[in-house]
N, C-alpha and C. Protein backbone atom coordinates (compact mmCIF):
# COMPACT_ATOMS: atom_id res chain seq x y z
N MET A 1 0.83 -1.19 0.00
CA MET A 1 0.00 0.00 0.00
C MET A 1 0.87 1.26 0.00
N ILE A 2 1.89 1.27 0.88
CA ILE A 2 2.78 2.43 0.92
C ILE A 2 3.57 2.52 -0.37
N ARG A 3 3.94 1.36 -0.90
CA ARG A 3 4.67 1.35 -2.18
C ARG A 3 3.83 1.96 -3.28
N THR A 4 2.53 1.64 -3.29
CA THR A 4 1.62 2.20 -4.29
C THR A 4 1.51 3.71 -4.12
N LEU A 5 1.38 4.16 -2.86
CA LEU A 5 1.30 5.60 -2.59
C LEU A 5 2.58 6.30 -3.03
N THR A 6 3.72 5.72 -2.70
CA THR A 6 4.99 6.32 -3.08
C THR A 6 5.11 6.42 -4.59
N LEU A 7 4.74 5.35 -5.29
CA LEU A 7 4.78 5.35 -6.75
C LEU A 7 3.84 6.40 -7.32
N ALA A 8 2.64 6.50 -6.76
CA ALA A 8 1.67 7.49 -7.25
C ALA A 8 2.18 8.91 -7.02
N LEU A 9 2.73 9.18 -5.84
CA LEU A 9 3.23 10.52 -5.56
C LEU A 9 4.46 10.84 -6.42
N THR A 10 5.33 9.87 -6.61
CA THR A 10 6.50 10.08 -7.45
C THR A 10 6.08 10.37 -8.89
N SER A 11 5.13 9.60 -9.39
CA SER A 11 4.63 9.83 -10.75
C SER A 11 4.01 11.21 -10.88
N ALA A 12 3.22 11.59 -9.88
CA ALA A 12 2.57 12.90 -9.92
C ALA A 12 3.61 14.01 -9.91
N LEU A 13 4.65 13.84 -9.12
CA LEU A 13 5.70 14.87 -9.06
C LEU A 13 6.47 14.95 -10.37
N LEU A 14 6.74 13.82 -10.99
CA LEU A 14 7.44 13.84 -12.28
C LEU A 14 6.60 14.48 -13.36
N LEU A 15 5.31 14.22 -13.34
CA LEU A 15 4.42 14.79 -14.34
C LEU A 15 4.25 16.29 -14.18
N THR A 16 4.45 16.78 -12.94
CA THR A 16 4.23 18.20 -12.69
C THR A 16 5.54 18.99 -12.66
N ALA A 17 6.64 18.39 -13.05
CA ALA A 17 7.94 19.06 -12.98
C ALA A 17 7.96 20.38 -13.75
N GLY A 18 7.23 20.47 -14.86
CA GLY A 18 7.21 21.69 -15.65
C GLY A 18 6.09 22.65 -15.28
N VAL A 19 5.31 22.29 -14.28
CA VAL A 19 4.18 23.10 -13.86
C VAL A 19 4.65 24.14 -12.84
N PRO A 20 4.10 25.37 -12.86
CA PRO A 20 4.49 26.37 -11.88
C PRO A 20 4.34 25.86 -10.45
N ALA A 21 5.16 26.40 -9.56
CA ALA A 21 5.20 25.93 -8.17
C ALA A 21 3.84 25.97 -7.48
N ALA A 22 3.05 27.01 -7.71
CA ALA A 22 1.75 27.12 -7.05
C ALA A 22 0.83 25.97 -7.46
N ALA A 23 0.81 25.65 -8.73
CA ALA A 23 -0.02 24.54 -9.20
C ALA A 23 0.50 23.21 -8.67
N ARG A 24 1.82 23.07 -8.62
CA ARG A 24 2.42 21.85 -8.10
C ARG A 24 2.07 21.69 -6.63
N SER A 25 2.11 22.77 -5.87
CA SER A 25 1.76 22.74 -4.45
C SER A 25 0.31 22.31 -4.25
N ASP A 26 -0.58 22.82 -5.09
CA ASP A 26 -2.00 22.44 -5.01
C ASP A 26 -2.16 20.95 -5.26
N ARG A 27 -1.45 20.43 -6.25
CA ARG A 27 -1.55 18.99 -6.56
C ARG A 27 -0.96 18.16 -5.43
N ASP A 28 0.16 18.60 -4.85
CA ASP A 28 0.74 17.89 -3.71
C ASP A 28 -0.27 17.82 -2.57
N GLN A 29 -0.93 18.94 -2.32
CA GLN A 29 -1.92 18.97 -1.24
C GLN A 29 -3.10 18.06 -1.57
N ASP A 30 -3.53 18.04 -2.82
CA ASP A 30 -4.62 17.14 -3.21
C ASP A 30 -4.22 15.69 -3.00
N ASN A 31 -3.00 15.34 -3.40
CA ASN A 31 -2.51 13.97 -3.20
C ASN A 31 -2.42 13.64 -1.72
N LEU A 32 -1.99 14.60 -0.93
CA LEU A 32 -1.88 14.39 0.51
C LEU A 32 -3.25 14.19 1.14
N ARG A 33 -4.21 15.01 0.74
CA ARG A 33 -5.58 14.86 1.28
C ARG A 33 -6.15 13.48 0.93
N GLU A 34 -5.92 13.04 -0.30
CA GLU A 34 -6.40 11.73 -0.72
C GLU A 34 -5.74 10.63 0.10
N ALA A 35 -4.44 10.74 0.32
CA ALA A 35 -3.72 9.74 1.12
C ALA A 35 -4.22 9.73 2.55
N ALA A 36 -4.53 10.90 3.10
CA ALA A 36 -5.07 10.96 4.47
C ALA A 36 -6.45 10.33 4.53
N ALA A 37 -7.26 10.59 3.53
CA ALA A 37 -8.61 10.02 3.49
C ALA A 37 -8.56 8.50 3.41
N GLN A 38 -7.52 7.97 2.78
CA GLN A 38 -7.37 6.52 2.65
C GLN A 38 -6.62 5.91 3.83
N GLY A 39 -6.23 6.74 4.80
CA GLY A 39 -5.55 6.24 5.98
C GLY A 39 -4.08 5.95 5.76
N GLN A 40 -3.49 6.46 4.70
CA GLN A 40 -2.09 6.19 4.40
C GLN A 40 -1.15 7.18 5.07
N VAL A 41 -1.68 8.32 5.48
CA VAL A 41 -0.90 9.30 6.25
C VAL A 41 -1.77 9.79 7.39
N VAL A 42 -1.11 10.32 8.41
CA VAL A 42 -1.81 10.86 9.56
C VAL A 42 -2.31 12.26 9.19
N PRO A 43 -3.59 12.57 9.46
CA PRO A 43 -4.10 13.90 9.14
C PRO A 43 -3.28 15.00 9.84
N LEU A 44 -3.07 16.10 9.14
CA LEU A 44 -2.23 17.18 9.64
C LEU A 44 -2.68 17.68 11.01
N ASN A 45 -3.98 17.88 11.20
CA ASN A 45 -4.44 18.41 12.49
C ASN A 45 -4.09 17.47 13.64
N ARG A 46 -4.11 16.16 13.38
CA ARG A 46 -3.73 15.20 14.42
C ARG A 46 -2.23 15.23 14.67
N LEU A 47 -1.43 15.39 13.60
CA LEU A 47 0.03 15.50 13.77
C LEU A 47 0.39 16.70 14.63
N ILE A 48 -0.23 17.84 14.31
CA ILE A 48 0.06 19.06 15.06
C ILE A 48 -0.34 18.89 16.52
N ALA A 49 -1.54 18.37 16.78
CA ALA A 49 -2.01 18.17 18.15
C ALA A 49 -1.09 17.23 18.92
N ASP A 50 -0.62 16.17 18.25
CA ASP A 50 0.25 15.21 18.91
C ASP A 50 1.59 15.85 19.29
N VAL A 51 2.18 16.60 18.37
CA VAL A 51 3.46 17.25 18.66
C VAL A 51 3.27 18.29 19.77
N ARG A 52 2.19 19.06 19.71
CA ARG A 52 1.94 20.09 20.72
C ARG A 52 1.70 19.51 22.10
N SER A 53 1.32 18.23 22.18
CA SER A 53 1.06 17.61 23.48
C SER A 53 2.33 17.07 24.14
N ARG A 54 3.44 17.06 23.42
CA ARG A 54 4.69 16.50 23.93
C ARG A 54 5.62 17.59 24.44
N ALA A 55 6.35 17.24 25.50
CA ALA A 55 7.41 18.14 25.96
C ALA A 55 8.57 18.02 24.98
N PRO A 56 9.28 19.04 24.67
CA PRO A 56 9.18 20.41 25.16
C PRO A 56 8.23 21.28 24.33
N TYR A 57 7.60 20.71 23.30
CA TYR A 57 6.79 21.50 22.38
C TYR A 57 5.50 22.02 23.02
N SER A 58 5.05 21.35 24.09
CA SER A 58 3.82 21.80 24.75
C SER A 58 4.00 23.18 25.37
N GLY A 59 5.24 23.56 25.66
CA GLY A 59 5.50 24.87 26.22
C GLY A 59 5.84 25.92 25.18
N MET A 60 5.77 25.54 23.90
CA MET A 60 6.10 26.46 22.80
C MET A 60 4.83 26.90 22.08
N THR A 61 4.94 27.97 21.35
CA THR A 61 3.84 28.47 20.55
C THR A 61 3.96 27.93 19.13
N TYR A 62 2.90 27.28 18.64
CA TYR A 62 2.89 26.79 17.26
C TYR A 62 2.65 27.97 16.34
N LEU A 63 3.49 28.13 15.31
CA LEU A 63 3.41 29.29 14.43
C LEU A 63 2.53 29.07 13.21
N GLY A 64 2.13 27.82 12.91
CA GLY A 64 1.31 27.56 11.74
C GLY A 64 2.15 27.51 10.48
N GLY A 65 1.47 27.48 9.34
CA GLY A 65 2.16 27.45 8.05
C GLY A 65 3.03 26.24 7.85
N PRO A 66 2.49 25.03 8.08
CA PRO A 66 3.32 23.85 7.92
C PRO A 66 3.79 23.70 6.48
N GLN A 67 4.98 23.15 6.31
CA GLN A 67 5.51 22.87 4.98
C GLN A 67 5.55 21.36 4.81
N PHE A 68 5.28 20.90 3.58
CA PHE A 68 5.23 19.48 3.32
C PHE A 68 6.19 19.12 2.21
N ASP A 69 7.03 18.13 2.46
CA ASP A 69 7.95 17.60 1.46
C ASP A 69 7.32 16.32 0.93
N ALA A 70 6.68 16.40 -0.24
CA ALA A 70 5.96 15.25 -0.80
C ALA A 70 6.89 14.11 -1.17
N GLY A 71 8.11 14.42 -1.55
CA GLY A 71 9.06 13.39 -1.92
C GLY A 71 9.45 12.51 -0.74
N ARG A 72 9.60 13.12 0.40
CA ARG A 72 10.00 12.36 1.60
C ARG A 72 8.84 12.11 2.55
N MET A 73 7.66 12.70 2.25
CA MET A 73 6.47 12.55 3.09
C MET A 73 6.74 13.05 4.52
N ILE A 74 7.31 14.26 4.60
CA ILE A 74 7.68 14.84 5.88
C ILE A 74 7.10 16.24 5.99
N TYR A 75 6.52 16.52 7.17
CA TYR A 75 6.07 17.87 7.49
C TYR A 75 7.13 18.59 8.28
N ALA A 76 7.26 19.89 8.05
CA ALA A 76 8.09 20.76 8.87
C ALA A 76 7.13 21.69 9.60
N LEU A 77 7.08 21.57 10.92
CA LEU A 77 6.19 22.37 11.76
C LEU A 77 7.03 23.37 12.54
N LYS A 78 6.62 24.64 12.54
CA LYS A 78 7.39 25.69 13.19
C LYS A 78 6.79 26.07 14.53
N PHE A 79 7.67 26.15 15.54
CA PHE A 79 7.29 26.55 16.89
C PHE A 79 8.19 27.69 17.33
N MET A 80 7.68 28.50 18.25
CA MET A 80 8.46 29.59 18.82
C MET A 80 8.81 29.22 20.26
N ASP A 81 10.11 29.17 20.54
CA ASP A 81 10.61 28.87 21.88
C ASP A 81 11.33 30.11 22.37
N GLY A 82 10.62 30.94 23.12
CA GLY A 82 11.19 32.22 23.52
C GLY A 82 11.35 33.10 22.30
N SER A 83 12.60 33.39 21.94
CA SER A 83 12.86 34.22 20.75
C SER A 83 13.42 33.39 19.59
N GLN A 84 13.40 32.08 19.74
CA GLN A 84 13.98 31.21 18.72
C GLN A 84 12.91 30.37 18.03
N VAL A 85 13.01 30.30 16.70
CA VAL A 85 12.10 29.44 15.93
C VAL A 85 12.69 28.04 15.91
N VAL A 86 11.84 27.05 16.24
CA VAL A 86 12.24 25.64 16.23
C VAL A 86 11.41 24.95 15.16
N VAL A 87 12.07 24.25 14.25
CA VAL A 87 11.38 23.51 13.20
C VAL A 87 11.42 22.03 13.58
N VAL A 88 10.23 21.43 13.66
CA VAL A 88 10.11 20.02 14.02
C VAL A 88 9.72 19.25 12.76
N TYR A 89 10.46 18.19 12.45
CA TYR A 89 10.20 17.38 11.27
C TYR A 89 9.44 16.12 11.69
N VAL A 90 8.30 15.91 11.04
CA VAL A 90 7.41 14.80 11.41
C VAL A 90 7.10 13.95 10.19
N ASP A 91 7.24 12.64 10.34
CA ASP A 91 6.91 11.70 9.27
C ASP A 91 5.39 11.69 9.10
N ALA A 92 4.91 12.05 7.91
CA ALA A 92 3.47 12.14 7.66
C ALA A 92 2.78 10.78 7.69
N ARG A 93 3.52 9.72 7.45
CA ARG A 93 2.93 8.37 7.43
C ARG A 93 2.72 7.81 8.83
N THR A 94 3.66 8.12 9.74
CA THR A 94 3.61 7.52 11.08
C THR A 94 3.29 8.50 12.19
N GLY A 95 3.54 9.78 11.95
CA GLY A 95 3.36 10.79 12.99
C GLY A 95 4.57 10.90 13.90
N ARG A 96 5.61 10.16 13.62
CA ARG A 96 6.81 10.15 14.44
C ARG A 96 7.66 11.39 14.17
N ILE A 97 8.16 12.01 15.25
CA ILE A 97 9.08 13.12 15.12
C ILE A 97 10.43 12.54 14.71
N ILE A 98 10.96 13.04 13.61
CA ILE A 98 12.21 12.47 13.09
C ILE A 98 13.39 13.43 13.17
N GLY A 99 13.11 14.66 13.62
CA GLY A 99 14.20 15.62 13.78
C GLY A 99 13.69 16.99 14.14
N ARG A 100 14.63 17.85 14.43
CA ARG A 100 14.30 19.25 14.72
C ARG A 100 15.51 20.12 14.47
N LYS A 101 15.21 21.41 14.22
CA LYS A 101 16.25 22.39 14.02
C LYS A 101 15.86 23.63 14.78
N PRO A 102 16.62 24.30 15.49
CA PRO A 102 17.77 23.86 16.28
C PRO A 102 17.35 23.02 17.44
């Protein structure tokens, strides 16, 4: 199932390589919504709520504007920790935090 999703997303990205970024972004979001509806990825609102419920992120302010890397199926979520922006990387398929900067 994941292999099929990966193949579909890869094909969609290859087909849209010559399309302007805004249109490509819309298609990525459409593919992501479809994958979420089919249970292949964790819905964004649940990912955000899960990260916000964990320390140390529960004490930070979520800034919104998530970015999605369709090729790697990873969300970048931005939080404010005092005066520093912290970017948390979350696997869209599992909801697992896979990294952060800084």
